[in-house]
Amino acid sequence: MPGDQWQQFANLRLLYGYMMAHPGKKLLFMGGELGQYAEWKDKEQLDWHLLEYPLHRSLFEYVKELNHFYLDHKQLYEFDHNSKGFEWIDPHNIDQSIIAFKRYGSTTTPPPNFRL
């Protein structure tokens, strides 16, 4: 991943935030919430010592908060199986590096022609 360590962790936070908001089931490989450098290890423990470092600890806390946010907002998962629970607002704003979309659930106003 390009950039210095702070930029790499910022990109990882961006990826995890996007993953939680975008439709589809969530999958985080073992150790991903720690910002582990080594890939998944099937015969060893996670690198728990990484939590002693501020960037790794803050990523861990961020993922924990993302999980709570996901569970607290039904529109992020309620209609995950239906494309009408998702609407692109601005998927082409490359000049500002912005993508915008909206998720719909039973407590949000659905787009026109919304059917389950």
PDB file of N, CA and C in Angstrom:
ATOM      1  N   MET A   1       0.854  -1.166   0.000  1.00  0.00           N
ATOM      2  CA  MET A   1       0.000   0.000   0.000  1.00  0.00           C
ATOM      3  C   MET A   1       0.904   1.235   0.000  1.00  0.00           C
ATOM      4  N   PRO A   2       0.616   2.213  -0.835  1.00  0.00           N
ATOM      5  CA  PRO A   2       1.483   3.388  -0.911  1.00  0.00           C
ATOM      6  C   PRO A   2       1.349   4.298   0.312  1.00  0.00           C
ATOM      7  N   GLY A   3       2.303   5.176   0.470  1.00  0.00           N
ATOM      8  CA  GLY A   3       2.265   6.170   1.536  1.00  0.00           C
ATOM      9  C   GLY A   3       3.008   5.742   2.773  1.00  0.00           C
ATOM     10  N   ASP A   4       3.078   6.693   3.710  1.00  0.00           N
ATOM     11  CA  ASP A   4       3.705   6.376   4.992  1.00  0.00           C
ATOM     12  C   ASP A   4       2.714   5.591   5.854  1.00  0.00           C
ATOM     13  N   GLN A   5       3.141   5.242   7.054  1.00  0.00           N
ATOM     14  CA  GLN A   5       2.307   4.389   7.898  1.00  0.00           C
ATOM     15  C   GLN A   5       0.966   5.047   8.223  1.00  0.00           C
ATOM     16  N   TRP A   6       0.956   6.355   8.509  1.00  0.00           N
ATOM     17  CA  TRP A   6      -0.300   7.035   8.817  1.00  0.00           C
ATOM     18  C   TRP A   6      -1.253   6.966   7.621  1.00  0.00           C
ATOM     19  N   GLN A   7      -0.743   7.187   6.421  1.00  0.00           N
ATOM     20  CA  GLN A   7      -1.576   7.130   5.219  1.00  0.00           C
ATOM     21  C   GLN A   7      -2.094   5.711   4.971  1.00  0.00           C
ATOM     22  N   GLN A   8      -1.282   4.724   5.242  1.00  0.00           N
ATOM     23  CA  GLN A   8      -1.716   3.349   5.069  1.00  0.00           C
ATOM     24  C   GLN A   8      -2.867   3.011   6.012  1.00  0.00           C
ATOM     25  N   PHE A   9      -2.766   3.443   7.262  1.00  0.00           N
ATOM     26  CA  PHE A   9      -3.847   3.190   8.215  1.00  0.00           C
ATOM     27  C   PHE A   9      -5.086   4.000   7.851  1.00  0.00           C
ATOM     28  N   ALA A  10      -4.909   5.209   7.329  1.00  0.00           N
ATOM     29  CA  ALA A  10      -6.048   6.014   6.877  1.00  0.00           C
ATOM     30  C   ALA A  10      -6.763   5.313   5.723  1.00  0.00           C
ATOM     31  N   ASN A  11      -6.005   4.756   4.790  1.00  0.00           N
ATOM     32  CA  ASN A  11      -6.608   4.020   3.681  1.00  0.00           C
ATOM     33  C   ASN A  11      -7.350   2.774   4.172  1.00  0.00           C
ATOM     34  N   LEU A  12      -6.802   2.124   5.164  1.00  0.00           N
ATOM     35  CA  LEU A  12      -7.461   0.938   5.718  1.00  0.00           C
ATOM     36  C   LEU A  12      -8.769   1.320   6.408  1.00  0.00           C
ATOM     37  N   ARG A  13      -8.763   2.443   7.149  1.00  0.00           N
ATOM     38  CA  ARG A  13     -10.001   2.916   7.774  1.00  0.00           C
ATOM     39  C   ARG A  13     -11.043   3.255   6.712  1.00  0.00           C
ATOM     40  N   LEU A  14     -10.604   3.880   5.635  1.00  0.00           N
ATOM     41  CA  LEU A  14     -11.510   4.200   4.534  1.00  0.00           C
ATOM     42  C   LEU A  14     -12.110   2.927   3.943  1.00  0.00           C
ATOM     43  N   LEU A  15     -11.283   1.929   3.696  1.00  0.00           N
ATOM     44  CA  LEU A  15     -11.758   0.660   3.154  1.00  0.00           C
ATOM     45  C   LEU A  15     -12.789   0.019   4.076  1.00  0.00           C
ATOM     46  N   TYR A  16     -12.497  -0.038   5.371  1.00  0.00           N
ATOM     47  CA  TYR A  16     -13.422  -0.671   6.309  1.00  0.00           C
ATOM     48  C   TYR A  16     -14.733   0.107   6.405  1.00  0.00           C
ATOM     49  N   GLY A  17     -14.665   1.430   6.402  1.00  0.00           N
ATOM     50  CA  GLY A  17     -15.879   2.241   6.431  1.00  0.00           C
ATOM     51  C   GLY A  17     -16.732   2.011   5.195  1.00  0.00           C
ATOM     52  N   TYR A  18     -16.096   1.975   4.043  1.00  0.00           N
ATOM     53  CA  TYR A  18     -16.803   1.711   2.790  1.00  0.00           C
ATOM     54  C   TYR A  18     -17.431   0.317   2.818  1.00  0.00           C
ATOM     55  N   MET A  19     -16.683  -0.661   3.283  1.00  0.00           N
ATOM     56  CA  MET A  19     -17.177  -2.037   3.335  1.00  0.00           C
ATOM     57  C   MET A  19     -18.429  -2.130   4.209  1.00  0.00           C
ATOM     58  N   MET A  20     -18.425  -1.458   5.344  1.00  0.00           N
ATOM     59  CA  MET A  20     -19.567  -1.536   6.255  1.00  0.00           C
ATOM     60  C   MET A  20     -20.802  -0.852   5.679  1.00  0.00           C
ATOM     61  N   ALA A  21     -20.613   0.201   4.915  1.00  0.00           N
ATOM     62  CA  ALA A  21     -21.754   0.945   4.377  1.00  0.00           C
ATOM     63  C   ALA A  21     -22.275   0.350   3.076  1.00  0.00           C
ATOM     64  N   HIS A  22     -21.417  -0.279   2.305  1.00  0.00           N
ATOM     65  CA  HIS A  22     -21.800  -0.814   1.007  1.00  0.00           C
ATOM     66  C   HIS A  22     -22.560  -2.125   1.184  1.00  0.00           C
ATOM     67  N   PRO A  23     -23.498  -2.439   0.274  1.00  0.00           N
ATOM     68  CA  PRO A  23     -24.232  -3.696   0.388  1.00  0.00           C
ATOM     69  C   PRO A  23     -23.311  -4.912   0.306  1.00  0.00           C
ATOM     70  N   GLY A  24     -23.778  -5.981   0.853  1.00  0.00           N
ATOM     71  CA  GLY A  24     -23.029  -7.232   0.828  1.00  0.00           C
ATOM     72  C   GLY A  24     -22.634  -7.640   2.230  1.00  0.00           C
ATOM     73  N   LYS A  25     -22.409  -8.898   2.393  1.00  0.00           N
ATOM     74  CA  LYS A  25     -22.015  -9.409   3.704  1.00  0.00           C
ATOM     75  C   LYS A  25     -20.600  -8.964   4.042  1.00  0.00           C
ATOM     76  N   LYS A  26     -20.360  -8.768   5.298  1.00  0.00           N
ATOM     77  CA  LYS A  26     -19.084  -8.232   5.764  1.00  0.00           C
ATOM     78  C   LYS A  26     -18.140  -9.369   6.115  1.00  0.00           C
ATOM     79  N   LEU A  27     -16.909  -9.245   5.659  1.00  0.00           N
ATOM     80  CA  LEU A  27     -15.910 -10.265   5.949  1.00  0.00           C
ATOM     81  C   LEU A  27     -14.596  -9.574   6.280  1.00  0.00           C
ATOM     82  N   LEU A  28     -14.141  -9.798   7.479  1.00  0.00           N
ATOM     83  CA  LEU A  28     -12.873  -9.233   7.923  1.00  0.00           C
ATOM     84  C   LEU A  28     -11.992 -10.406   8.339  1.00  0.00           C
ATOM     85  N   PHE A  29     -10.880 -10.563   7.665  1.00  0.00           N
ATOM     86  CA  PHE A  29     -10.008 -11.685   7.971  1.00  0.00           C
ATOM     87  C   PHE A  29      -9.344 -11.507   9.329  1.00  0.00           C
ATOM     88  N   MET A  30      -8.990 -12.632   9.907  1.00  0.00           N
ATOM     89  CA  MET A  30      -8.379 -12.668  11.230  1.00  0.00           C
ATOM     90  C   MET A  30      -7.202 -11.708  11.332  1.00  0.00           C
ATOM     91  N   GLY A  31      -7.267 -10.789  12.282  1.00  0.00           N
ATOM     92  CA  GLY A  31      -6.195  -9.838  12.499  1.00  0.00           C
ATOM     93  C   GLY A  31      -6.368  -8.537  11.745  1.00  0.00           C
ATOM     94  N   GLY A  32      -7.341  -8.464  10.854  1.00  0.00           N
ATOM     95  CA  GLY A  32      -7.551  -7.237  10.088  1.00  0.00           C
ATOM     96  C   GLY A  32      -7.904  -6.055  10.961  1.00  0.00           C
ATOM     97  N   GLU A  33      -8.600  -6.303  12.067  1.00  0.00           N
ATOM     98  CA  GLU A  33      -8.978  -5.223  12.971  1.00  0.00           C
ATOM     99  C   GLU A  33      -7.784  -4.686  13.762  1.00  0.00           C
ATOM    100  N   LEU A  34      -6.675  -5.389  13.719  1.00  0.00           N
ATOM    101  CA  LEU A  34      -5.465  -4.942  14.420  1.00  0.00           C
ATOM    102  C   LEU A  34      -4.491  -4.225  13.485  1.00  0.00           C
ATOM    103  N   GLY A  35      -4.732  -4.306  12.205  1.00  0.00           N
ATOM    104  CA  GLY A  35      -3.768  -3.768  11.248  1.00  0.00           C
ATOM    105  C   GLY A  35      -2.514  -4.631  11.232  1.00  0.00           C
ATOM    106  N   GLN A  36      -2.740  -5.923  11.348  1.00  0.00           N
ATOM    107  CA  GLN A  36      -1.648  -6.887  11.390  1.00  0.00           C
ATOM    108  C   GLN A  36      -0.871  -6.875  10.077  1.00  0.00           C
ATOM    109  N   TYR A  37       0.442  -6.912  10.143  1.00  0.00           N
ATOM    110  CA  TYR A  37       1.270  -6.901   8.932  1.00  0.00           C
ATOM    111  C   TYR A  37       1.317  -8.267   8.270  1.00  0.00           C
ATOM    112  N   ALA A  38       1.378  -9.304   9.084  1.00  0.00           N
ATOM    113  CA  ALA A  38       1.448 -10.663   8.552  1.00  0.00           C
ATOM    114  C   ALA A  38       0.049 -11.105   8.129  1.00  0.00           C
ATOM    115  N   GLU A  39      -0.003 -11.896   7.080  1.00  0.00           N
ATOM    116  CA  GLU A  39      -1.287 -12.432   6.658  1.00  0.00           C
ATOM    117  C   GLU A  39      -1.804 -13.426   7.684  1.00  0.00           C
ATOM    118  N   TRP A  40      -2.994 -13.898   7.448  1.00  0.00           N
ATOM    119  CA  TRP A  40      -3.660 -14.824   8.354  1.00  0.00           C
ATOM    120  C   TRP A  40      -2.754 -15.988   8.709  1.00  0.00           C
ATOM    121  N   LYS A  41      -2.716 -16.298  10.005  1.00  0.00           N
ATOM    122  CA  LYS A  41      -1.901 -17.406  10.502  1.00  0.00           C
ATOM    123  C   LYS A  41      -2.844 -18.463  11.067  1.00  0.00           C
ATOM    124  N   ASP A  42      -2.771 -19.651  10.583  1.00  0.00           N
ATOM    125  CA  ASP A  42      -3.674 -20.684  11.075  1.00  0.00           C
ATOM    126  C   ASP A  42      -3.096 -21.487  12.233  1.00  0.00           C
ATOM    127  N   LYS A  43      -1.822 -21.325  12.528  1.00  0.00           N
ATOM    128  CA  LYS A  43      -1.203 -22.093  13.606  1.00  0.00           C
ATOM    129  C   LYS A  43      -0.671 -21.206  14.737  1.00  0.00           C
ATOM    130  N   GLU A  44      -0.921 -19.908  14.647  1.00  0.00           N
ATOM    131  CA  GLU A  44      -0.431 -18.976  15.663  1.00  0.00           C
ATOM    132  C   GLU A  44      -1.547 -18.040  16.097  1.00  0.00           C
ATOM    133  N   GLN A  45      -1.320 -17.368  17.212  1.00  0.00           N
ATOM    134  CA  GLN A  45      -2.260 -16.371  17.691  1.00  0.00           C
ATOM    135  C   GLN A  45      -2.151 -15.096  16.862  1.00  0.00           C
ATOM    136  N   LEU A  46      -3.137 -14.237  17.053  1.00  0.00           N
ATOM    137  CA  LEU A  46      -3.053 -12.898  16.470  1.00  0.00           C
ATOM    138  C   LEU A  46      -1.880 -12.159  17.099  1.00  0.00           C
ATOM    139  N   ASP A  47      -1.430 -11.120  16.431  1.00  0.00           N
ATOM    140  CA  ASP A  47      -0.339 -10.287  16.963  1.00  0.00           C
ATOM    141  C   ASP A  47      -0.909  -9.258  17.935  1.00  0.00           C
ATOM    142  N   TRP A  48      -1.370  -9.750  19.088  1.00  0.00           N
ATOM    143  CA  TRP A  48      -2.037  -8.891  20.076  1.00  0.00           C
ATOM    144  C   TRP A  48      -1.127  -7.769  20.569  1.00  0.00           C
ATOM    145  N   HIS A  49       0.169  -7.979  20.529  1.00  0.00           N
ATOM    146  CA  HIS A  49       1.103  -6.954  20.997  1.00  0.00           C
ATOM    147  C   HIS A  49       0.990  -5.663  20.178  1.00  0.00           C
ATOM    148  N   LEU A  50       0.423  -5.752  18.985  1.00  0.00           N
ATOM    149  CA  LEU A  50       0.269  -4.553  18.150  1.00  0.00           C
ATOM    150  C   LEU A  50      -0.643  -3.517  18.804  1.00  0.00           C
ATOM    151  N   LEU A  51      -1.516  -3.958  19.716  1.00  0.00           N
ATOM    152  CA  LEU A  51      -2.411  -3.026  20.397  1.00  0.00           C
ATOM    153  C   LEU A  51      -1.657  -2.049  21.297  1.00  0.00           C
ATOM    154  N   GLU A  52      -0.389  -2.300  21.527  1.00  0.00           N
ATOM    155  CA  GLU A  52       0.435  -1.379  22.316  1.00  0.00           C
ATOM    156  C   GLU A  52       0.814  -0.134  21.507  1.00  0.00           C
ATOM    157  N   TYR A  53       0.645  -0.192  20.191  1.00  0.00           N
ATOM    158  CA  TYR A  53       1.016   0.924  19.320  1.00  0.00           C
ATOM    159  C   TYR A  53      -0.218   1.743  18.962  1.00  0.00           C
ATOM    160  N   PRO A  54      -0.115   3.072  19.039  1.00  0.00           N
ATOM    161  CA  PRO A  54      -1.292   3.935  18.851  1.00  0.00           C
ATOM    162  C   PRO A  54      -2.058   3.729  17.540  1.00  0.00           C
ATOM    163  N   LEU A  55      -1.385   3.578  16.417  1.00  0.00           N
ATOM    164  CA  LEU A  55      -2.107   3.401  15.154  1.00  0.00           C
ATOM    165  C   LEU A  55      -2.886   2.090  15.125  1.00  0.00           C
ATOM    166  N   HIS A  56      -2.310   1.048  15.668  1.00  0.00           N
ATOM    167  CA  HIS A  56      -2.982  -0.244  15.695  1.00  0.00           C
ATOM    168  C   HIS A  56      -4.147  -0.215  16.693  1.00  0.00           C
ATOM    169  N   ARG A  57      -3.932   0.389  17.848  1.00  0.00           N
ATOM    170  CA  ARG A  57      -4.993   0.503  18.860  1.00  0.00           C
ATOM    171  C   ARG A  57      -6.154   1.324  18.309  1.00  0.00           C
ATOM    172  N   SER A  58      -5.859   2.434  17.636  1.00  0.00           N
ATOM    173  CA  SER A  58      -6.940   3.275  17.114  1.00  0.00           C
ATOM    174  C   SER A  58      -7.703   2.561  15.998  1.00  0.00           C
ATOM    175  N   LEU A  59      -7.036   1.758  15.187  1.00  0.00           N
ATOM    176  CA  LEU A  59      -7.729   0.975  14.162  1.00  0.00           C
ATOM    177  C   LEU A  59      -8.652  -0.044  14.825  1.00  0.00           C
ATOM    178  N   PHE A  60      -8.170  -0.707  15.856  1.00  0.00           N
ATOM    179  CA  PHE A  60      -8.972  -1.678  16.598  1.00  0.00           C
ATOM    180  C   PHE A  60     -10.232  -1.020  17.154  1.00  0.00           C
ATOM    181  N   GLU A  61     -10.076   0.162  17.757  1.00  0.00           N
ATOM    182  CA  GLU A  61     -11.222   0.901  18.311  1.00  0.00           C
ATOM    183  C   GLU A  61     -12.171   1.351  17.200  1.00  0.00           C
ATOM    184  N   TYR A  62     -11.620   1.757  16.074  1.00  0.00           N
ATOM    185  CA  TYR A  62     -12.418   2.181  14.933  1.00  0.00           C
ATOM    186  C   TYR A  62     -13.295   1.032  14.420  1.00  0.00           C
ATOM    187  N   VAL A  63     -12.715  -0.147  14.271  1.00  0.00           N
ATOM    188  CA  VAL A  63     -13.474  -1.309  13.799  1.00  0.00           C
ATOM    189  C   VAL A  63     -14.556  -1.672  14.809  1.00  0.00           C
ATOM    190  N   LYS A  64     -14.232  -1.561  16.093  1.00  0.00           N
ATOM    191  CA  LYS A  64     -15.227  -1.837  17.122  1.00  0.00           C
ATOM    192  C   LYS A  64     -16.404  -0.866  17.006  1.00  0.00           C
ATOM    193  N   GLU A  65     -16.112   0.419  16.823  1.00  0.00           N
ATOM    194  CA  GLU A  65     -17.171   1.422  16.655  1.00  0.00           C
ATOM    195  C   GLU A  65     -17.955   1.193  15.362  1.00  0.00           C
ATOM    196  N   LEU A  66     -17.269   0.819  14.285  1.00  0.00           N
ATOM    197  CA  LEU A  66     -17.958   0.508  13.029  1.00  0.00           C
ATOM    198  C   LEU A  66     -18.952  -0.635  13.213  1.00  0.00           C
ATOM    199  N   ASN A  67     -18.564  -1.651  13.946  1.00  0.00           N
ATOM    200  CA  ASN A  67     -19.467  -2.772  14.194  1.00  0.00           C
ATOM    201  C   ASN A  67     -20.710  -2.326  14.949  1.00  0.00           C
ATOM    202  N   HIS A  68     -20.541  -1.479  15.958  1.00  0.00           N
ATOM    203  CA  HIS A  68     -21.692  -0.943  16.699  1.00  0.00           C
ATOM    204  C   HIS A  68     -22.560  -0.067  15.792  1.00  0.00           C
ATOM    205  N   PHE A  69     -21.926   0.777  14.982  1.00  0.00           N
ATOM    206  CA  PHE A  69     -22.654   1.634  14.048  1.00  0.00           C
ATOM    207  C   PHE A  69     -23.487   0.782  13.094  1.00  0.00           C
ATOM    208  N   TYR A  70     -22.906  -0.260  12.561  1.00  0.00           N
ATOM    209  CA  TYR A  70     -23.592  -1.172  11.646  1.00  0.00           C
ATOM    210  C   TYR A  70     -24.827  -1.782  12.310  1.00  0.00           C
ATOM    211  N   LEU A  71     -24.666  -2.266  13.515  1.00  0.00           N
ATOM    212  CA  LEU A  71     -25.790  -2.894  14.216  1.00  0.00           C
ATOM    213  C   LEU A  71     -26.877  -1.890  14.596  1.00  0.00           C
ATOM    214  N   ASP A  72     -26.502  -0.650  14.828  1.00  0.00           N
ATOM    215  CA  ASP A  72     -27.457   0.389  15.229  1.00  0.00           C
ATOM    216  C   ASP A  72     -28.227   0.990  14.061  1.00  0.00           C
ATOM    217  N   HIS A  73     -27.835   0.706  12.828  1.00  0.00           N
ATOM    218  CA  HIS A  73     -28.473   1.296  11.643  1.00  0.00           C
ATOM    219  C   HIS A  73     -28.956   0.185  10.715  1.00  0.00           C
ATOM    220  N   LYS A  74     -30.226  -0.184  10.900  1.00  0.00           N
ATOM    221  CA  LYS A  74     -30.799  -1.314  10.157  1.00  0.00           C
ATOM    222  C   LYS A  74     -30.729  -1.146   8.644  1.00  0.00           C
ATOM    223  N   GLN A  75     -30.724   0.094   8.164  1.00  0.00           N
ATOM    224  CA  GLN A  75     -30.684   0.299   6.717  1.00  0.00           C
ATOM    225  C   GLN A  75     -29.377  -0.210   6.109  1.00  0.00           C
ATOM    226  N   LEU A  76     -28.368  -0.454   6.917  1.00  0.00           N
ATOM    227  CA  LEU A  76     -27.113  -0.992   6.407  1.00  0.00           C
ATOM    228  C   LEU A  76     -27.179  -2.500   6.147  1.00  0.00           C
ATOM    229  N   TYR A  77     -28.189  -3.167   6.708  1.00  0.00           N
ATOM    230  CA  TYR A  77     -28.265  -4.617   6.499  1.00  0.00           C
ATOM    231  C   TYR A  77     -29.666  -5.143   6.222  1.00  0.00           C
ATOM    232  N   GLU A  78     -30.692  -4.374   6.537  1.00  0.00           N
ATOM    233  CA  GLU A  78     -32.057  -4.885   6.453  1.00  0.00           C
ATOM    234  C   GLU A  78     -32.446  -5.336   5.041  1.00  0.00           C
ATOM    235  N   PHE A  79     -32.123  -4.547   4.026  1.00  0.00           N
ATOM    236  CA  PHE A  79     -32.444  -4.903   2.644  1.00  0.00           C
ATOM    237  C   PHE A  79     -31.172  -5.223   1.865  1.00  0.00           C
ATOM    238  N   ASP A  80     -30.230  -5.821   2.539  1.00  0.00           N
ATOM    239  CA  ASP A  80     -28.949  -6.169   1.919  1.00  0.00           C
ATOM    240  C   ASP A  80     -29.112  -7.123   0.747  1.00  0.00           C
ATOM    241  N   HIS A  81     -30.159  -7.879   0.777  1.00  0.00           N
ATOM    242  CA  HIS A  81     -30.423  -8.880  -0.259  1.00  0.00           C
ATOM    243  C   HIS A  81     -31.153  -8.303  -1.470  1.00  0.00           C
ATOM    244  N   ASN A  82     -31.484  -7.009  -1.429  1.00  0.00           N
ATOM    245  CA  ASN A  82     -32.299  -6.409  -2.474  1.00  0.00           C
ATOM    246  C   ASN A  82     -31.627  -5.149  -3.006  1.00  0.00           C
ATOM    247  N   SER A  83     -31.415  -5.084  -4.298  1.00  0.00           N
ATOM    248  CA  SER A  83     -30.728  -3.925  -4.885  1.00  0.00           C
ATOM    249  C   SER A  83     -31.517  -2.631  -4.717  1.00  0.00           C
ATOM    250  N   LYS A  84     -32.805  -2.721  -4.441  1.00  0.00           N
ATOM    251  CA  LYS A  84     -33.609  -1.508  -4.256  1.00  0.00           C
ATOM    252  C   LYS A  84     -33.371  -0.884  -2.875  1.00  0.00           C
ATOM    253  N   GLY A  85     -32.594  -1.542  -2.032  1.00  0.00           N
ATOM    254  CA  GLY A  85     -32.229  -0.972  -0.738  1.00  0.00           C
ATOM    255  C   GLY A  85     -30.980  -0.112  -0.829  1.00  0.00           C
ATOM    256  N   PHE A  86     -30.546   0.161  -2.051  1.00  0.00           N
ATOM    257  CA  PHE A  86     -29.303   0.903  -2.296  1.00  0.00           C
ATOM    258  C   PHE A  86     -29.519   1.859  -3.458  1.00  0.00           C
ATOM    259  N   GLU A  87     -28.993   3.074  -3.332  1.00  0.00           N
ATOM    260  CA  GLU A  87     -29.093   4.047  -4.418  1.00  0.00           C
ATOM    261  C   GLU A  87     -27.784   4.823  -4.545  1.00  0.00           C
ATOM    262  N   TRP A  88     -27.240   4.849  -5.752  1.00  0.00           N
ATOM    263  CA  TRP A  88     -26.073   5.681  -6.013  1.00  0.00           C
ATOM    264  C   TRP A  88     -26.528   7.132  -6.074  1.00  0.00           C
ATOM    265  N   ILE A  89     -25.820   8.020  -5.412  1.00  0.00           N
ATOM    266  CA  ILE A  89     -26.100   9.450  -5.494  1.00  0.00           C
ATOM    267  C   ILE A  89     -25.084  10.096  -6.423  1.00  0.00           C
ATOM    268  N   ASP A  90     -23.815   9.813  -6.203  1.00  0.00           N
ATOM    269  CA  ASP A  90     -22.760  10.382  -7.054  1.00  0.00           C
ATOM    270  C   ASP A  90     -21.595   9.394  -7.139  1.00  0.00           C
ATOM    271  N   PRO A  91     -21.628   8.492  -8.098  1.00  0.00           N
ATOM    272  CA  PRO A  91     -20.548   7.511  -8.208  1.00  0.00           C
ATOM    273  C   PRO A  91     -19.397   7.943  -9.107  1.00  0.00           C
ATOM    274  N   HIS A  92     -19.478   9.136  -9.702  1.00  0.00           N
ATOM    275  CA  HIS A  92     -18.497   9.526 -10.725  1.00  0.00           C
ATOM    276  C   HIS A  92     -17.712  10.788 -10.397  1.00  0.00           C
ATOM    277  N   ASN A  93     -17.628  11.176  -9.141  1.00  0.00           N
ATOM    278  CA  ASN A  93     -16.944  12.414  -8.773  1.00  0.00           C
ATOM    279  C   ASN A  93     -15.449  12.150  -8.571  1.00  0.00           C
ATOM    280  N   ILE A  94     -14.750  11.897  -9.672  1.00  0.00           N
ATOM    281  CA  ILE A  94     -13.334  11.569  -9.578  1.00  0.00           C
ATOM    282  C   ILE A  94     -12.474  12.795  -9.283  1.00  0.00           C
ATOM    283  N   ASP A  95     -12.971  13.994  -9.624  1.00  0.00           N
ATOM    284  CA  ASP A  95     -12.187  15.202  -9.372  1.00  0.00           C
ATOM    285  C   ASP A  95     -11.983  15.448  -7.880  1.00  0.00           C
ATOM    286  N   GLN A  96     -12.962  15.084  -7.062  1.00  0.00           N
ATOM    287  CA  GLN A  96     -12.863  15.290  -5.622  1.00  0.00           C
ATOM    288  C   GLN A  96     -12.676  13.978  -4.859  1.00  0.00           C
ATOM    289  N   SER A  97     -12.523  12.874  -5.575  1.00  0.00           N
ATOM    290  CA  SER A  97     -12.370  11.551  -4.951  1.00  0.00           C
ATOM    291  C   SER A  97     -13.512  11.245  -3.978  1.00  0.00           C
ATOM    292  N   ILE A  98     -14.732  11.473  -4.445  1.00  0.00           N
ATOM    293  CA  ILE A  98     -15.915  11.252  -3.611  1.00  0.00           C
ATOM    294  C   ILE A  98     -16.852  10.288  -4.321  1.00  0.00           C
ATOM    295  N   ILE A  99     -17.365   9.327  -3.576  1.00  0.00           N
ATOM    296  CA  ILE A  99     -18.489   8.530  -4.046  1.00  0.00           C
ATOM    297  C   ILE A  99     -19.581   8.662  -2.995  1.00  0.00           C
ATOM    298  N   ALA A 100     -20.822   8.752  -3.443  1.00  0.00           N
ATOM    299  CA  ALA A 100     -21.929   8.917  -2.509  1.00  0.00           C
ATOM    300  C   ALA A 100     -23.054   7.960  -2.876  1.00  0.00           C
ATOM    301  N   PHE A 101     -23.599   7.313  -1.854  1.00  0.00           N
ATOM    302  CA  PHE A 101     -24.729   6.419  -2.041  1.00  0.00           C
ATOM    303  C   PHE A 101     -25.586   6.472  -0.797  1.00  0.00           C
ATOM    304  N   LYS A 102     -26.803   5.945  -0.912  1.00  0.00           N
ATOM    305  CA  LYS A 102     -27.723   5.924   0.212  1.00  0.00           C
ATOM    306  C   LYS A 102     -28.257   4.514   0.380  1.00  0.00           C
ATOM    307  N   ARG A 103     -28.371   4.094   1.624  1.00  0.00           N
ATOM    308  CA  ARG A 103     -28.941   2.792   1.953  1.00  0.00           C
ATOM    309  C   ARG A 103     -30.347   3.006   2.495  1.00  0.00           C
ATOM    310  N   TYR A 104     -31.248   2.080   2.202  1.00  0.00           N
ATOM    311  CA  TYR A 104     -32.632   2.167   2.640  1.00  0.00           C
ATOM    312  C   TYR A 104     -33.006   0.970   3.484  1.00  0.00           C
ATOM    313  N   GLY A 105     -33.810   1.247   4.503  1.00  0.00           N
ATOM    314  CA  GLY A 105     -34.371   0.210   5.354  1.00  0.00           C
ATOM    315  C   GLY A 105     -35.819   0.549   5.619  1.00  0.00           C
ATOM    316  N   SER A 106     -36.453  -0.191   6.488  1.00  0.00           N
ATOM    317  CA  SER A 106     -37.870   0.032   6.761  1.00  0.00           C
ATOM    318  C   SER A 106     -38.135   1.372   7.443  1.00  0.00           C
ATOM    319  N   THR A 107     -37.111   1.996   8.027  1.00  0.00           N
ATOM    320  CA  THR A 107     -37.310   3.278   8.711  1.00  0.00           C
ATOM    321  C   THR A 107     -36.844   4.473   7.882  1.00  0.00           C
ATOM    322  N   THR A 108     -36.416   4.249   6.648  1.00  0.00           N
ATOM    323  CA  THR A 108     -35.986   5.348   5.783  1.00  0.00           C
ATOM    324  C   THR A 108     -36.916   5.438   4.585  1.00  0.00           C
ATOM    325  N   THR A 109     -36.968   6.612   3.989  1.00  0.00           N
ATOM    326  CA  THR A 109     -37.813   6.800   2.823  1.00  0.00           C
ATOM    327  C   THR A 109     -37.168   6.142   1.625  1.00  0.00           C
ATOM    328  N   PRO A 110     -37.829   5.159   1.040  1.00  0.00           N
ATOM    329  CA  PRO A 110     -37.228   4.461  -0.104  1.00  0.00           C
ATOM    330  C   PRO A 110     -37.288   5.279  -1.384  1.00  0.00           C
ATOM    331  N   PRO A 111     -36.486   4.918  -2.342  1.00  0.00           N
ATOM    332  CA  PRO A 111     -36.531   5.601  -3.633  1.00  0.00           C
ATOM    333  C   PRO A 111     -37.830   5.267  -4.372  1.00  0.00           C
ATOM    334  N   PRO A 112     -38.177   6.028  -5.415  1.00  0.00           N
ATOM    335  CA  PRO A 112     -39.387   5.698  -6.179  1.00  0.00           C
ATOM    336  C   PRO A 112     -39.311   4.265  -6.712  1.00  0.00           C
ATOM    337  N   ASN A 113     -40.450   3.645  -6.817  1.00  0.00           N
ATOM    338  CA  ASN A 113     -40.565   2.270  -7.345  1.00  0.00           C
ATOM    339  C   ASN A 113     -39.877   1.224  -6.469  1.00  0.00           C
ATOM    340  N   PHE A 114     -39.759   1.493  -5.182  1.00  0.00           N
ATOM    341  CA  PHE A 114     -39.126   0.550  -4.259  1.00  0.00           C
ATOM    342  C   PHE A 114     -40.085  -0.608  -3.994  1.00  0.00           C
ATOM    343  N   ARG A 115     -39.633  -1.819  -4.235  1.00  0.00           N
ATOM    344  CA  ARG A 115     -40.421  -3.031  -3.949  1.00  0.00           C
ATOM    345  C   ARG A 115     -39.516  -4.111  -3.405  1.00  0.00           C
ATOM    346  N   LEU A 116     -40.017  -4.839  -2.448  1.00  0.00           N
ATOM    347  CA  LEU A 116     -39.266  -5.991  -1.934  1.00  0.00           C
ATOM    348  C   LEU A 116     -39.740  -7.264  -2.580  1.00  0.00           C
TER     349      LEU A 116
END
